[in-house]
Every structure is written in C-alpha cells, then in structure tokens.
Amino acid sequence: MIEAAILFAAACYGIALLLDLWRIAQGPDAADRILALDTMVINVIALLVLYGVWRGTAIYFEAAMLVAMVGFVSTVAYCRFLLRGDIIE
C-alpha cells in the first residue's frame, strides 16, 4: 500500500516539475521565473525524500538537506542580482 502512495506522490511531483519547467520557459518576467525555480527546488526535495522512504535509507534525506540549502542560496542570489545588478558588493 505504501508503494502505491509513494508512486502516486512521485507522479504528482513529477507533473509539478514539468509545470515548473513550463513556467520557467514561458514566464512573462524574471520574478515568475525565480518563483518557478524555487518551487522546482522544493519539488526536487520532495522527490528525494520520497525516494529515501521508498528505498529505506537516510542518505537521500541528507541529499535533500543539501539541495534545500543550495536552492535557498541560489534563490537569494538570483533575487539580489535582479534587484541590484550585482551579487557581491
């Protein structure tokens, strides 16, 4: 039963990743692209956690934490670049 739930959730997050990719390609402005990229990072984190639950190992949870940290920093850096035109002052 848990395998079916994990498969359904992974399919839903996979569809969400495709929709995020569409928003990145078709976004009317840069703010929409930043939000889609941040949402894509969250979906990848969810897929890593689901895969870790399915495999029964904790290494994927650590990978999800690394992706979360890199995703946060990249979102902040991209927003700062759009606002100021420079990341490092």
C-alpha atoms as a PDB file:
ATOM      1  CA  MET A   1       0.000   0.000   0.000  1.00  0.00           C
ATOM      2  CA  ILE A   2       2.794   2.439   0.854  1.00  0.00           C
ATOM      3  CA  GLU A   3       4.431   1.734  -2.513  1.00  0.00           C
ATOM      4  CA  ALA A   4       1.270   2.835  -4.317  1.00  0.00           C
ATOM      5  CA  ALA A   5       1.094   6.030  -2.279  1.00  0.00           C
ATOM      6  CA  ILE A   6       4.766   6.783  -2.946  1.00  0.00           C
ATOM      7  CA  LEU A   7       4.304   6.126  -6.659  1.00  0.00           C
ATOM      8  CA  PHE A   8       1.251   8.409  -6.802  1.00  0.00           C
ATOM      9  CA  ALA A   9       3.050  11.181  -4.910  1.00  0.00           C
ATOM     10  CA  ALA A  10       6.142  10.854  -7.120  1.00  0.00           C
ATOM     11  CA  ALA A  11       3.969  11.099 -10.232  1.00  0.00           C
ATOM     12  CA  CYS A  12       2.281  14.226  -8.871  1.00  0.00           C
ATOM     13  CA  TYR A  13       5.625  15.854  -8.068  1.00  0.00           C
ATOM     14  CA  GLY A  14       6.932  14.854 -11.493  1.00  0.00           C
ATOM     15  CA  ILE A  15       3.991  16.595 -13.144  1.00  0.00           C
ATOM     16  CA  ALA A  16       4.616  19.621 -10.927  1.00  0.00           C
ATOM     17  CA  LEU A  17       8.250  19.667 -12.101  1.00  0.00           C
ATOM     18  CA  LEU A  18       7.090  19.720 -15.707  1.00  0.00           C
ATOM     19  CA  LEU A  19       4.711  22.581 -14.973  1.00  0.00           C
ATOM     20  CA  ASP A  20       7.519  24.484 -13.245  1.00  0.00           C
ATOM     21  CA  LEU A  21       9.707  23.956 -16.278  1.00  0.00           C
ATOM     22  CA  TRP A  22       6.913  25.331 -18.455  1.00  0.00           C
ATOM     23  CA  ARG A  23       6.637  28.408 -16.191  1.00  0.00           C
ATOM     24  CA  ILE A  24      10.395  28.973 -16.402  1.00  0.00           C
ATOM     25  CA  ALA A  25      10.230  28.846 -20.192  1.00  0.00           C
ATOM     26  CA  GLN A  26       7.031  30.909 -20.574  1.00  0.00           C
ATOM     27  CA  GLY A  27       7.230  33.259 -17.579  1.00  0.00           C
ATOM     28  CA  PRO A  28       6.313  36.817 -18.503  1.00  0.00           C
ATOM     29  CA  ASP A  29       9.034  38.316 -16.311  1.00  0.00           C
ATOM     30  CA  ALA A  30      12.010  37.344 -14.190  1.00  0.00           C
ATOM     31  CA  ALA A  31      10.077  37.239 -10.911  1.00  0.00           C
ATOM     32  CA  ASP A  32       7.874  34.439 -12.242  1.00  0.00           C
ATOM     33  CA  ARG A  33      10.965  32.536 -13.307  1.00  0.00           C
ATOM     34  CA  ILE A  34      12.532  32.918  -9.856  1.00  0.00           C
ATOM     35  CA  LEU A  35       9.394  31.634  -8.157  1.00  0.00           C
ATOM     36  CA  ALA A  36       9.188  28.701 -10.567  1.00  0.00           C
ATOM     37  CA  LEU A  37      12.834  27.853  -9.904  1.00  0.00           C
ATOM     38  CA  ASP A  38      12.253  27.964  -6.147  1.00  0.00           C
ATOM     39  CA  THR A  39       9.177  25.758  -6.498  1.00  0.00           C
ATOM     40  CA  MET A  40      11.190  23.378  -8.644  1.00  0.00           C
ATOM     41  CA  VAL A  41      13.769  23.067  -5.868  1.00  0.00           C
ATOM     42  CA  ILE A  42      11.004  22.258  -3.384  1.00  0.00           C
ATOM     43  CA  ASN A  43       9.623  19.582  -5.712  1.00  0.00           C
ATOM     44  CA  VAL A  44      13.076  18.025  -6.109  1.00  0.00           C
ATOM     45  CA  ILE A  45      13.421  17.954  -2.315  1.00  0.00           C
ATOM     46  CA  ALA A  46      10.074  16.184  -2.046  1.00  0.00           C
ATOM     47  CA  LEU A  47      11.112  13.637  -4.678  1.00  0.00           C
ATOM     48  CA  LEU A  48      14.364  12.954  -2.836  1.00  0.00           C
ATOM     49  CA  VAL A  49      12.505  12.392   0.428  1.00  0.00           C
ATOM     50  CA  LEU A  50      10.002  10.090  -1.284  1.00  0.00           C
ATOM     51  CA  TYR A  51      12.810   8.123  -2.877  1.00  0.00           C
ATOM     52  CA  GLY A  52      14.519   7.836   0.512  1.00  0.00           C
ATOM     53  CA  VAL A  53      11.336   6.495   2.069  1.00  0.00           C
ATOM     54  CA  TRP A  54      10.900   4.030  -0.789  1.00  0.00           C
ATOM     55  CA  ARG A  55      14.483   2.787  -0.573  1.00  0.00           C
ATOM     56  CA  GLY A  56      14.522   2.843   3.234  1.00  0.00           C
ATOM     57  CA  THR A  57      17.808   4.702   3.526  1.00  0.00           C
ATOM     58  CA  ALA A  58      18.703   8.010   5.155  1.00  0.00           C
ATOM     59  CA  ILE A  59      21.267   9.195   2.621  1.00  0.00           C
ATOM     60  CA  TYR A  60      18.582  10.776   0.462  1.00  0.00           C
ATOM     61  CA  PHE A  61      17.372  12.880   3.387  1.00  0.00           C
ATOM     62  CA  GLU A  62      20.858  14.332   3.689  1.00  0.00           C
ATOM     63  CA  ALA A  63      20.885  14.980  -0.049  1.00  0.00           C
ATOM     64  CA  ALA A  64      17.531  16.754   0.328  1.00  0.00           C
ATOM     65  CA  MET A  65      19.038  18.995   3.003  1.00  0.00           C
ATOM     66  CA  LEU A  66      21.931  19.895   0.706  1.00  0.00           C
ATOM     67  CA  VAL A  67      19.557  20.662  -2.159  1.00  0.00           C
ATOM     68  CA  ALA A  68      17.476  22.827   0.191  1.00  0.00           C
ATOM     69  CA  MET A  69      20.500  24.862   1.264  1.00  0.00           C
ATOM     70  CA  VAL A  70      21.774  25.326  -2.284  1.00  0.00           C
ATOM     71  CA  GLY A  71      18.282  26.177  -3.506  1.00  0.00           C
ATOM     72  CA  PHE A  72      17.811  28.837  -0.850  1.00  0.00           C
ATOM     73  CA  VAL A  73      21.167  30.450  -1.561  1.00  0.00           C
ATOM     74  CA  SER A  74      20.591  30.394  -5.312  1.00  0.00           C
ATOM     75  CA  THR A  75      17.152  31.984  -4.954  1.00  0.00           C
ATOM     76  CA  VAL A  76      18.523  34.764  -2.751  1.00  0.00           C
ATOM     77  CA  ALA A  77      21.464  35.348  -5.099  1.00  0.00           C
ATOM     78  CA  TYR A  78      19.230  35.491  -8.162  1.00  0.00           C
ATOM     79  CA  CYS A  79      16.829  37.934  -6.491  1.00  0.00           C
ATOM     80  CA  ARG A  80      19.708  40.098  -5.356  1.00  0.00           C
ATOM     81  CA  PHE A  81      21.126  40.098  -8.874  1.00  0.00           C
ATOM     82  CA  LEU A  82      17.807  41.258 -10.285  1.00  0.00           C
ATOM     83  CA  LEU A  83      17.377  43.987  -7.694  1.00  0.00           C
ATOM     84  CA  ARG A  84      20.904  45.386  -7.617  1.00  0.00           C
ATOM     85  CA  GLY A  85      22.588  44.079 -10.733  1.00  0.00           C
ATOM     86  CA  ASP A  86      25.417  42.600  -8.679  1.00  0.00           C
ATOM     87  CA  ILE A  87      25.581  39.685  -6.274  1.00  0.00           C
ATOM     88  CA  ILE A  88      28.738  40.580  -4.364  1.00  0.00           C
ATOM     89  CA  GLU A  89      29.259  44.193  -3.394  1.00  0.00           C
END
